[in-house]
C-alpha atoms as a PDB file:
ATOM      1  CA  UNK A   1       0.000   0.000   0.000  1.00  0.00           C
ATOM      2  CA  UNK A   2       1.589   3.251  -1.209  1.00  0.00           C
ATOM      3  CA  UNK A   3      -1.181   5.849  -1.391  1.00  0.00           C
ATOM      4  CA  UNK A   4       0.965   8.886  -2.262  1.00  0.00           C
ATOM      5  CA  UNK A   5       2.398   9.086  -5.769  1.00  0.00           C
ATOM      6  CA  UNK A   6       4.157  12.428  -5.335  1.00  0.00           C
ATOM      7  CA  UNK A   7       4.343  15.006  -2.567  1.00  0.00           C
ATOM      8  CA  UNK A   8       5.846  18.474  -2.260  1.00  0.00           C
ATOM      9  CA  UNK A   9       5.356  19.937   1.181  1.00  0.00           C
ATOM     10  CA  UNK A  10       1.627  19.858   2.020  1.00  0.00           C
ATOM     11  CA  UNK A  11       0.728  19.141  -1.598  1.00  0.00           C
ATOM     12  CA  UNK A  12       0.317  15.466  -2.459  1.00  0.00           C
ATOM     13  CA  UNK A  13      -0.890  13.533  -5.463  1.00  0.00           C
ATOM     14  CA  UNK A  14      -2.349  10.146  -4.557  1.00  0.00           C
ATOM     15  CA  UNK A  15      -2.014   7.001  -6.609  1.00  0.00           C
ATOM     16  CA  UNK A  16      -5.793   6.742  -6.464  1.00  0.00           C
ATOM     17  CA  UNK A  17      -6.135   9.909  -8.541  1.00  0.00           C
ATOM     18  CA  UNK A  18      -3.364   8.832 -10.899  1.00  0.00           C
ATOM     19  CA  UNK A  19      -5.121   5.511 -11.525  1.00  0.00           C
ATOM     20  CA  UNK A  20      -8.444   7.223 -12.138  1.00  0.00           C
ATOM     21  CA  UNK A  21      -6.846   9.599 -14.655  1.00  0.00           C
ATOM     22  CA  UNK A  22      -5.101   6.687 -16.377  1.00  0.00           C
ATOM     23  CA  UNK A  23      -8.372   4.784 -16.561  1.00  0.00           C
ATOM     24  CA  UNK A  24     -10.165   7.697 -18.204  1.00  0.00           C
ATOM     25  CA  UNK A  25      -7.374   8.106 -20.761  1.00  0.00           C
ATOM     26  CA  UNK A  26      -7.664   4.409 -21.612  1.00  0.00           C
ATOM     27  CA  UNK A  27     -11.389   5.002 -22.101  1.00  0.00           C
ATOM     28  CA  UNK A  28     -10.581   7.625 -24.710  1.00  0.00           C
ATOM     29  CA  UNK A  29      -7.948   5.503 -26.466  1.00  0.00           C
ATOM     30  CA  UNK A  30     -10.358   2.563 -26.702  1.00  0.00           C
ATOM     31  CA  UNK A  31     -13.162   4.715 -28.091  1.00  0.00           C
ATOM     32  CA  UNK A  32     -10.906   6.343 -30.690  1.00  0.00           C
ATOM     33  CA  UNK A  33      -9.508   2.989 -31.793  1.00  0.00           C
ATOM     34  CA  UNK A  34     -12.925   1.354 -32.128  1.00  0.00           C
ATOM     35  CA  UNK A  35     -14.490   4.395 -33.821  1.00  0.00           C
ATOM     36  CA  UNK A  36     -12.130   4.464 -36.795  1.00  0.00           C
ATOM     37  CA  UNK A  37     -14.119   4.755 -39.995  1.00  0.00           C
ATOM     38  CA  UNK A  38     -17.161   6.293 -38.263  1.00  0.00           C
ATOM     39  CA  UNK A  39     -18.372   9.857 -37.753  1.00  0.00           C
ATOM     40  CA  UNK A  40     -17.193   9.797 -34.109  1.00  0.00           C
ATOM     41  CA  UNK A  41     -13.939  11.720 -34.329  1.00  0.00           C
ATOM     42  CA  UNK A  42     -11.483  12.531 -31.533  1.00  0.00           C
ATOM     43  CA  UNK A  43     -13.140  15.887 -30.722  1.00  0.00           C
ATOM     44  CA  UNK A  44     -16.537  14.261 -30.354  1.00  0.00           C
ATOM     45  CA  UNK A  45     -15.096  11.495 -28.166  1.00  0.00           C
ATOM     46  CA  UNK A  46     -13.145  13.990 -26.040  1.00  0.00           C
ATOM     47  CA  UNK A  47     -16.386  15.839 -25.281  1.00  0.00           C
ATOM     48  CA  UNK A  48     -17.964  12.502 -24.464  1.00  0.00           C
ATOM     49  CA  UNK A  49     -15.140  11.756 -22.022  1.00  0.00           C
ATOM     50  CA  UNK A  50     -15.661  15.073 -20.203  1.00  0.00           C
ATOM     51  CA  UNK A  51     -19.354  14.265 -19.695  1.00  0.00           C
ATOM     52  CA  UNK A  52     -18.449  10.785 -18.480  1.00  0.00           C
ATOM     53  CA  UNK A  53     -15.797  11.988 -16.010  1.00  0.00           C
ATOM     54  CA  UNK A  54     -17.951  14.673 -14.409  1.00  0.00           C
ATOM     55  CA  UNK A  55     -21.082  12.551 -14.089  1.00  0.00           C
ATOM     56  CA  UNK A  56     -19.230   9.422 -12.934  1.00  0.00           C
ATOM     57  CA  UNK A  57     -17.213  11.234 -10.264  1.00  0.00           C
ATOM     58  CA  UNK A  58     -20.245  13.030  -8.855  1.00  0.00           C
ATOM     59  CA  UNK A  59     -22.369   9.871  -8.839  1.00  0.00           C
ATOM     60  CA  UNK A  60     -19.658   7.573  -7.481  1.00  0.00           C
ATOM     61  CA  UNK A  61     -18.636   9.910  -4.679  1.00  0.00           C
ATOM     62  CA  UNK A  62     -22.211  10.740  -3.720  1.00  0.00           C
ATOM     63  CA  UNK A  63     -23.151   7.059  -3.496  1.00  0.00           C
ATOM     64  CA  UNK A  64     -20.073   6.258  -1.395  1.00  0.00           C
ATOM     65  CA  UNK A  65     -20.737   9.106   1.046  1.00  0.00           C
ATOM     66  CA  UNK A  66     -24.380   8.066   1.418  1.00  0.00           C
ATOM     67  CA  UNK A  67     -23.373   4.450   2.057  1.00  0.00           C
ATOM     68  CA  UNK A  68     -20.701   5.484   4.617  1.00  0.00           C
ATOM     69  CA  UNK A  69     -22.484   8.513   6.059  1.00  0.00           C
ATOM     70  CA  UNK A  70     -21.479   7.571   9.613  1.00  0.00           C
ATOM     71  CA  UNK A  71     -17.875   8.402   8.695  1.00  0.00           C
ATOM     72  CA  UNK A  72     -18.772  11.815   7.258  1.00  0.00           C
ATOM     73  CA  UNK A  73     -21.539  13.034   9.564  1.00  0.00           C
ATOM     74  CA  UNK A  74     -19.112  14.742  11.946  1.00  0.00           C
ATOM     75  CA  UNK A  75     -17.194  16.424   9.104  1.00  0.00           C
ATOM     76  CA  UNK A  76     -19.383  16.704   5.971  1.00  0.00           C
ATOM     77  CA  UNK A  77     -16.766  18.707   4.044  1.00  0.00           C
ATOM     78  CA  UNK A  78     -14.649  15.544   3.840  1.00  0.00           C
ATOM     79  CA  UNK A  79     -17.133  14.353   1.233  1.00  0.00           C
ATOM     80  CA  UNK A  80     -15.491  16.729  -1.273  1.00  0.00           C
ATOM     81  CA  UNK A  81     -11.970  15.429  -0.647  1.00  0.00           C
ATOM     82  CA  UNK A  82     -11.535  12.960  -3.508  1.00  0.00           C
ATOM     83  CA  UNK A  83      -7.823  12.585  -2.767  1.00  0.00           C
ATOM     84  CA  UNK A  84      -8.573  10.347   0.205  1.00  0.00           C
ATOM     85  CA  UNK A  85     -10.352   7.845  -2.042  1.00  0.00           C
ATOM     86  CA  UNK A  86     -13.814   6.457  -1.595  1.00  0.00           C
ATOM     87  CA  UNK A  87     -16.154   6.026  -4.540  1.00  0.00           C
ATOM     88  CA  UNK A  88     -18.886   3.529  -5.324  1.00  0.00           C
ATOM     89  CA  UNK A  89     -18.707   2.079  -8.815  1.00  0.00           C
ATOM     90  CA  UNK A  90     -22.443   1.505  -9.203  1.00  0.00           C
ATOM     91  CA  UNK A  91     -23.170   5.106  -8.197  1.00  0.00           C
ATOM     92  CA  UNK A  92     -20.855   6.366 -10.924  1.00  0.00           C
ATOM     93  CA  UNK A  93     -22.293   3.871 -13.400  1.00  0.00           C
ATOM     94  CA  UNK A  94     -25.891   4.999 -12.987  1.00  0.00           C
ATOM     95  CA  UNK A  95     -25.023   8.729 -12.926  1.00  0.00           C
ATOM     96  CA  UNK A  96     -22.974   8.341 -16.106  1.00  0.00           C
ATOM     97  CA  UNK A  97     -25.780   6.308 -17.682  1.00  0.00           C
ATOM     98  CA  UNK A  98     -28.213   9.191 -17.156  1.00  0.00           C
ATOM     99  CA  UNK A  99     -25.798  11.871 -18.391  1.00  0.00           C
ATOM    100  CA  UNK A 100     -24.679   9.888 -21.430  1.00  0.00           C
ATOM    101  CA  UNK A 101     -28.279   9.103 -22.369  1.00  0.00           C
ATOM    102  CA  UNK A 102     -28.906  12.860 -22.596  1.00  0.00           C
ATOM    103  CA  UNK A 103     -25.690  13.247 -24.609  1.00  0.00           C
ATOM    104  CA  UNK A 104     -26.800  10.513 -27.003  1.00  0.00           C
ATOM    105  CA  UNK A 105     -30.197  12.139 -27.487  1.00  0.00           C
ATOM    106  CA  UNK A 106     -28.652  15.543 -28.219  1.00  0.00           C
ATOM    107  CA  UNK A 107     -26.329  14.042 -30.817  1.00  0.00           C
ATOM    108  CA  UNK A 108     -29.034  11.796 -32.299  1.00  0.00           C
ATOM    109  CA  UNK A 109     -27.198   8.585 -31.483  1.00  0.00           C
ATOM    110  CA  UNK A 110     -28.887   5.197 -31.577  1.00  0.00           C
ATOM    111  CA  UNK A 111     -28.946   4.294 -27.888  1.00  0.00           C
ATOM    112  CA  UNK A 112     -27.819   0.657 -28.060  1.00  0.00           C
ATOM    113  CA  UNK A 113     -25.109   1.275 -30.654  1.00  0.00           C
ATOM    114  CA  UNK A 114     -23.830   4.245 -28.635  1.00  0.00           C
ATOM    115  CA  UNK A 115     -23.663   2.340 -25.355  1.00  0.00           C
ATOM    116  CA  UNK A 116     -22.029  -0.653 -27.006  1.00  0.00           C
ATOM    117  CA  UNK A 117     -19.039   1.627 -27.531  1.00  0.00           C
ATOM    118  CA  UNK A 118     -19.226   3.050 -24.009  1.00  0.00           C
ATOM    119  CA  UNK A 119     -19.318  -0.259 -22.134  1.00  0.00           C
ATOM    120  CA  UNK A 120     -16.543  -1.811 -24.213  1.00  0.00           C
ATOM    121  CA  UNK A 121     -14.090   0.608 -22.593  1.00  0.00           C
ATOM    122  CA  UNK A 122     -15.687   0.486 -19.147  1.00  0.00           C
ATOM    123  CA  UNK A 123     -13.869  -2.583 -17.735  1.00  0.00           C
ATOM    124  CA  UNK A 124     -10.352  -1.318 -18.539  1.00  0.00           C
ATOM    125  CA  UNK A 125     -10.948   1.923 -16.647  1.00  0.00           C
ATOM    126  CA  UNK A 126     -12.543  -0.001 -13.796  1.00  0.00           C
ATOM    127  CA  UNK A 127      -9.595  -2.418 -13.637  1.00  0.00           C
ATOM    128  CA  UNK A 128      -7.077   0.435 -13.308  1.00  0.00           C
ATOM    129  CA  UNK A 129      -9.300   2.145 -10.748  1.00  0.00           C
ATOM    130  CA  UNK A 130      -9.326  -0.956  -8.553  1.00  0.00           C
ATOM    131  CA  UNK A 131      -5.528  -0.955  -8.552  1.00  0.00           C
ATOM    132  CA  UNK A 132      -5.849   2.571  -7.176  1.00  0.00           C
ATOM    133  CA  UNK A 133      -8.170   1.200  -4.470  1.00  0.00           C
ATOM    134  CA  UNK A 134      -5.512  -1.355  -3.529  1.00  0.00           C
ATOM    135  CA  UNK A 135      -2.789   1.297  -3.277  1.00  0.00           C
ATOM    136  CA  UNK A 136      -5.114   3.499  -1.212  1.00  0.00           C
ATOM    137  CA  UNK A 137      -6.107   0.571   1.023  1.00  0.00           C
ATOM    138  CA  UNK A 138      -9.880   0.973   0.660  1.00  0.00           C
ATOM    139  CA  UNK A 139     -12.372  -1.706  -0.457  1.00  0.00           C
ATOM    140  CA  UNK A 140     -10.306  -4.341   1.397  1.00  0.00           C
ATOM    141  CA  UNK A 141     -11.286  -7.935   2.031  1.00  0.00           C
ATOM    142  CA  UNK A 142     -12.007 -10.113   5.039  1.00  0.00           C
ATOM    143  CA  UNK A 143      -9.271 -11.535   7.258  1.00  0.00           C
ATOM    144  CA  UNK A 144      -7.369 -14.279   5.453  1.00  0.00           C
ATOM    145  CA  UNK A 145      -4.076 -15.710   6.684  1.00  0.00           C
ATOM    146  CA  UNK A 146      -3.635 -18.018   3.683  1.00  0.00           C
ATOM    147  CA  UNK A 147      -1.363 -17.567   0.684  1.00  0.00           C
ATOM    148  CA  UNK A 148      -3.739 -15.048  -0.923  1.00  0.00           C
ATOM    149  CA  UNK A 149      -3.655 -12.718   2.065  1.00  0.00           C
ATOM    150  CA  UNK A 150      -1.980  -9.302   2.038  1.00  0.00           C
ATOM    151  CA  UNK A 151      -1.122  -7.184   5.068  1.00  0.00           C
ATOM    152  CA  UNK A 152      -1.860  -3.471   4.988  1.00  0.00           C
ATOM    153  CA  UNK A 153       0.244  -1.135   7.159  1.00  0.00           C
ATOM    154  CA  UNK A 154      -0.477   0.524  10.470  1.00  0.00           C
ATOM    155  CA  UNK A 155      -3.035   3.308  10.045  1.00  0.00           C
ATOM    156  CA  UNK A 156      -4.628   1.803   6.927  1.00  0.00           C
ATOM    157  CA  UNK A 157      -8.363   1.372   6.460  1.00  0.00           C
ATOM    158  CA  UNK A 158      -8.054  -2.302   7.373  1.00  0.00           C
ATOM    159  CA  UNK A 159      -6.094  -1.406  10.523  1.00  0.00           C
ATOM    160  CA  UNK A 160      -8.749   1.083  11.640  1.00  0.00           C
ATOM    161  CA  UNK A 161     -11.526  -1.462  11.170  1.00  0.00           C
ATOM    162  CA  UNK A 162      -9.739  -4.270  12.982  1.00  0.00           C
ATOM    163  CA  UNK A 163      -8.666  -1.956  15.795  1.00  0.00           C
ATOM    164  CA  UNK A 164     -12.214  -0.646  16.145  1.00  0.00           C
ATOM    165  CA  UNK A 165     -13.490  -4.225  16.428  1.00  0.00           C
ATOM    166  CA  UNK A 166     -10.924  -5.038  19.120  1.00  0.00           C
ATOM    167  CA  UNK A 167      -9.072  -7.579  16.981  1.00  0.00           C
ATOM    168  CA  UNK A 168      -5.705  -5.832  17.379  1.00  0.00           C
ATOM    169  CA  UNK A 169      -4.006  -3.393  19.736  1.00  0.00           C
ATOM    170  CA  UNK A 170      -3.097   0.077  18.555  1.00  0.00           C
ATOM    171  CA  UNK A 171       0.596  -0.827  18.196  1.00  0.00           C
ATOM    172  CA  UNK A 172      -0.032  -4.015  16.187  1.00  0.00           C
ATOM    173  CA  UNK A 173      -0.209  -4.499  12.458  1.00  0.00           C
ATOM    174  CA  UNK A 174      -3.574  -5.644  11.079  1.00  0.00           C
ATOM    175  CA  UNK A 175      -4.260  -9.238  10.116  1.00  0.00           C
ATOM    176  CA  UNK A 176      -3.800 -10.237   6.497  1.00  0.00           C
ATOM    177  CA  UNK A 177      -6.891  -9.782   4.336  1.00  0.00           C
ATOM    178  CA  UNK A 178      -8.114 -10.832   0.900  1.00  0.00           C
ATOM    179  CA  UNK A 179      -6.927  -8.376  -1.811  1.00  0.00           C
ATOM    180  CA  UNK A 180     -10.449  -8.063  -3.194  1.00  0.00           C
ATOM    181  CA  UNK A 181      -9.423  -4.955  -5.139  1.00  0.00           C
ATOM    182  CA  UNK A 182      -6.975  -7.043  -7.192  1.00  0.00           C
ATOM    183  CA  UNK A 183      -9.516  -9.841  -7.647  1.00  0.00           C
ATOM    184  CA  UNK A 184     -11.935  -7.386  -9.233  1.00  0.00           C
ATOM    185  CA  UNK A 185      -9.193  -5.723 -11.243  1.00  0.00           C
ATOM    186  CA  UNK A 186      -8.118  -9.051 -12.771  1.00  0.00           C
ATOM    187  CA  UNK A 187     -11.725  -9.943 -13.600  1.00  0.00           C
ATOM    188  CA  UNK A 188     -12.248  -6.585 -15.318  1.00  0.00           C
ATOM    189  CA  UNK A 189      -9.118  -7.008 -17.437  1.00  0.00           C
ATOM    190  CA  UNK A 190     -10.534 -10.320 -18.676  1.00  0.00           C
ATOM    191  CA  UNK A 191     -13.969  -8.815 -19.349  1.00  0.00           C
ATOM    192  CA  UNK A 192     -12.357  -5.967 -21.285  1.00  0.00           C
ATOM    193  CA  UNK A 193     -10.369  -8.393 -23.442  1.00  0.00           C
ATOM    194  CA  UNK A 194     -13.553 -10.257 -24.372  1.00  0.00           C
ATOM    195  CA  UNK A 195     -15.591  -7.112 -25.069  1.00  0.00           C
ATOM    196  CA  UNK A 196     -12.780  -5.559 -27.109  1.00  0.00           C
ATOM    197  CA  UNK A 197     -12.471  -8.719 -29.209  1.00  0.00           C
ATOM    198  CA  UNK A 198     -16.226  -8.941 -29.726  1.00  0.00           C
ATOM    199  CA  UNK A 199     -16.955  -5.284 -30.585  1.00  0.00           C
ATOM    200  CA  UNK A 200     -16.383  -5.490 -34.342  1.00  0.00           C
ATOM    201  CA  UNK A 201     -17.852  -8.998 -34.451  1.00  0.00           C
ATOM    202  CA  UNK A 202     -21.184  -8.122 -32.824  1.00  0.00           C
ATOM    203  CA  UNK A 203     -24.243  -8.600 -34.977  1.00  0.00           C
ATOM    204  CA  UNK A 204     -26.936  -6.792 -32.998  1.00  0.00           C
ATOM    205  CA  UNK A 205     -26.819  -3.316 -31.452  1.00  0.00           C
ATOM    206  CA  UNK A 206     -26.899  -3.694 -27.677  1.00  0.00           C
ATOM    207  CA  UNK A 207     -25.020  -6.979 -27.702  1.00  0.00           C
ATOM    208  CA  UNK A 208     -22.048  -5.458 -25.864  1.00  0.00           C
ATOM    209  CA  UNK A 209     -24.295  -3.953 -23.199  1.00  0.00           C
ATOM    210  CA  UNK A 210     -25.959  -7.295 -22.499  1.00  0.00           C
ATOM    211  CA  UNK A 211     -22.621  -9.136 -22.516  1.00  0.00           C
ATOM    212  CA  UNK A 212     -20.988  -6.695 -20.108  1.00  0.00           C
ATOM    213  CA  UNK A 213     -23.925  -6.835 -17.693  1.00  0.00           C
ATOM    214  CA  UNK A 214     -24.001 -10.647 -17.843  1.00  0.00           C
ATOM    215  CA  UNK A 215     -20.269 -10.888 -17.110  1.00  0.00           C
ATOM    216  CA  UNK A 216     -19.764  -8.205 -14.485  1.00  0.00           C
ATOM    217  CA  UNK A 217     -22.853  -8.799 -12.312  1.00  0.00           C
ATOM    218  CA  UNK A 218     -21.853 -12.302 -11.098  1.00  0.00           C
ATOM    219  CA  UNK A 219     -18.229 -11.199 -10.637  1.00  0.00           C
ATOM    220  CA  UNK A 220     -19.259  -8.343  -8.367  1.00  0.00           C
ATOM    221  CA  UNK A 221     -21.799 -10.480  -6.502  1.00  0.00           C
ATOM    222  CA  UNK A 222     -19.143 -13.141  -5.796  1.00  0.00           C
ATOM    223  CA  UNK A 223     -16.382 -10.740  -4.719  1.00  0.00           C
ATOM    224  CA  UNK A 224     -18.723  -8.925  -2.346  1.00  0.00           C
ATOM    225  CA  UNK A 225     -18.697 -12.093  -0.197  1.00  0.00           C
ATOM    226  CA  UNK A 226     -15.019 -11.494   0.579  1.00  0.00           C
ATOM    227  CA  UNK A 227     -15.158  -7.767   1.338  1.00  0.00           C
ATOM    228  CA  UNK A 228     -14.832  -6.546   4.902  1.00  0.00           C
ATOM    229  CA  UNK A 229     -15.147  -2.769   4.597  1.00  0.00           C
ATOM    230  CA  UNK A 230     -18.397  -1.273   5.838  1.00  0.00           C
ATOM    231  CA  UNK A 231     -21.229  -2.343   3.538  1.00  0.00           C
ATOM    232  CA  UNK A 232     -24.830  -1.147   3.502  1.00  0.00           C
ATOM    233  CA  UNK A 233     -27.047  -4.215   3.820  1.00  0.00           C
ATOM    234  CA  UNK A 234     -30.393  -4.779   2.139  1.00  0.00           C
ATOM    235  CA  UNK A 235     -31.794  -7.914   3.705  1.00  0.00           C
ATOM    236  CA  UNK A 236     -29.200 -10.710   3.493  1.00  0.00           C
ATOM    237  CA  UNK A 237     -27.238  -8.978   0.723  1.00  0.00           C
ATOM    238  CA  UNK A 238     -24.947  -5.985   0.533  1.00  0.00           C
ATOM    239  CA  UNK A 239     -26.034  -3.084  -1.628  1.00  0.00           C
ATOM    240  CA  UNK A 240     -23.474  -4.179  -4.224  1.00  0.00           C
ATOM    241  CA  UNK A 241     -24.947  -7.676  -4.355  1.00  0.00           C
ATOM    242  CA  UNK A 242     -28.486  -6.325  -4.548  1.00  0.00           C
ATOM    243  CA  UNK A 243     -27.626  -4.118  -7.506  1.00  0.00           C
ATOM    244  CA  UNK A 244     -25.727  -7.016  -9.116  1.00  0.00           C
ATOM    245  CA  UNK A 245     -28.861  -9.156  -8.975  1.00  0.00           C
ATOM    246  CA  UNK A 246     -30.805  -6.372 -10.671  1.00  0.00           C
ATOM    247  CA  UNK A 247     -28.161  -6.015 -13.383  1.00  0.00           C
ATOM    248  CA  UNK A 248     -28.127  -9.781 -13.971  1.00  0.00           C
ATOM    249  CA  UNK A 249     -31.903  -9.687 -14.448  1.00  0.00           C
ATOM    250  CA  UNK A 250     -31.470  -6.727 -16.811  1.00  0.00           C
ATOM    251  CA  UNK A 251     -28.889  -8.684 -18.838  1.00  0.00           C
ATOM    252  CA  UNK A 252     -31.284 -11.591 -19.249  1.00  0.00           C
ATOM    253  CA  UNK A 253     -34.231  -9.371 -20.195  1.00  0.00           C
ATOM    254  CA  UNK A 254     -32.110  -7.368 -22.651  1.00  0.00           C
ATOM    255  CA  UNK A 255     -30.782 -10.528 -24.308  1.00  0.00           C
ATOM    256  CA  UNK A 256     -34.320 -11.809 -24.867  1.00  0.00           C
ATOM    257  CA  UNK A 257     -35.445  -8.413 -26.165  1.00  0.00           C
ATOM    258  CA  UNK A 258     -32.536  -8.120 -28.618  1.00  0.00           C
ATOM    259  CA  UNK A 259     -33.200 -11.595 -30.026  1.00  0.00           C
ATOM    260  CA  UNK A 260     -36.699 -10.507 -31.029  1.00  0.00           C
ATOM    261  CA  UNK A 261     -36.370  -6.809 -31.715  1.00  0.00           C
ATOM    262  CA  UNK A 262     -32.650  -6.138 -32.053  1.00  0.00           C
ATOM    263  CA  UNK A 263     -31.300  -3.971 -34.848  1.00  0.00           C
ATOM    264  CA  UNK A 264     -28.514  -5.351 -37.018  1.00  0.00           C
ATOM    265  CA  UNK A 265     -25.191  -3.542 -36.646  1.00  0.00           C
ATOM    266  CA  UNK A 266     -24.286  -1.294 -39.566  1.00  0.00           C
ATOM    267  CA  UNK A 267     -20.666  -1.964 -40.446  1.00  0.00           C
ATOM    268  CA  UNK A 268     -18.484   1.041 -41.416  1.00  0.00           C
ATOM    269  CA  UNK A 269     -18.039   1.332 -45.172  1.00  0.00           C
ATOM    270  CA  UNK A 270     -14.583   0.217 -46.288  1.00  0.00           C
ATOM    271  CA  UNK A 271     -12.228   3.081 -47.081  1.00  0.00           C
ATOM    272  CA  UNK A 272     -11.280   3.299 -50.789  1.00  0.00           C
ATOM    273  CA  UNK A 273      -7.693   2.450 -51.602  1.00  0.00           C
ATOM    274  CA  UNK A 274      -6.124   5.088 -53.824  1.00  0.00           C
ATOM    275  CA  UNK A 275      -3.097   4.323 -55.998  1.00  0.00           C
ATOM    276  CA  UNK A 276      -0.907   6.916 -57.704  1.00  0.00           C
ATOM    277  CA  UNK A 277      -0.952   7.186 -61.507  1.00  0.00           C
ATOM    278  CA  UNK A 278       1.296   4.760 -63.269  1.00  0.00           C
ATOM    279  CA  UNK A 279       3.760   7.424 -64.413  1.00  0.00           C
ATOM    280  CA  UNK A 280       3.614   9.550 -61.249  1.00  0.00           C
ATOM    281  CA  UNK A 281       7.069  10.397 -59.865  1.00  0.00           C
ATOM    282  CA  UNK A 282       8.040   8.839 -56.571  1.00  0.00           C
ATOM    283  CA  UNK A 283       9.080  10.999 -53.585  1.00  0.00           C
ATOM    284  CA  UNK A 284      12.754  10.316 -54.337  1.00  0.00           C
ATOM    285  CA  UNK A 285      12.338  11.273 -58.010  1.00  0.00           C
ATOM    286  CA  UNK A 286      10.568  14.485 -57.041  1.00  0.00           C
ATOM    287  CA  UNK A 287      13.444  15.556 -54.805  1.00  0.00           C
ATOM    288  CA  UNK A 288      16.173  14.898 -57.380  1.00  0.00           C
END
């Protein structure tokens, strides 16, 4: 755990912020690469990224603060300190979904085709973000002294929780825990590889959306079982598991809908290959 990337006096840049910025840049690279041959140029996609960043950050931070309000009630202004980490992925996902839906309507995008592009890049940014969570020490797992366990340092989020529960003394290091952040990061890298491979092979608009939802929902539901940070419970499930169940149901319903009413993907027209006239001088001949 090394939360600080760079510091100069009181000014510090955290790895968490660096990972988030890297993730957003990978979003843009993925969109530009997959949009070659379409009307979505780099300026259009850059504007799209700005909308995504603002909406996702506001939604993710708001959801995290609401879920962990007990930590912020005494000092509400801490909610605006993004450098300390603490965001909820599903909060950012739903806020971005609303903002990008408005963006798509303004630019007369077909909703499913538009979000196929969006979600293809989503797992790579999420994977990098979870590495930031690991370096920050948040979103940690339950106590595990086996070979998968990692030990966070004194003063970490895991230390505070275990000390508060009376498991350790103030001078002791915390017990080893599951690195759930890295579990989710690895799963997202795999999901991204599959979505990236499938994007140009998809046949129906919305196929990527359904595939992403079907892959990520069970991953998140499973990993939630190993998390030990404070979780808001809804019945027997955490809020993350509850939302995952809803997304899994959405994936199934969307798959059935697309089979009956899906629109076939329009492939970009091939770019014409131009050849110089037979007697045209080469670059070397022109210079001589």
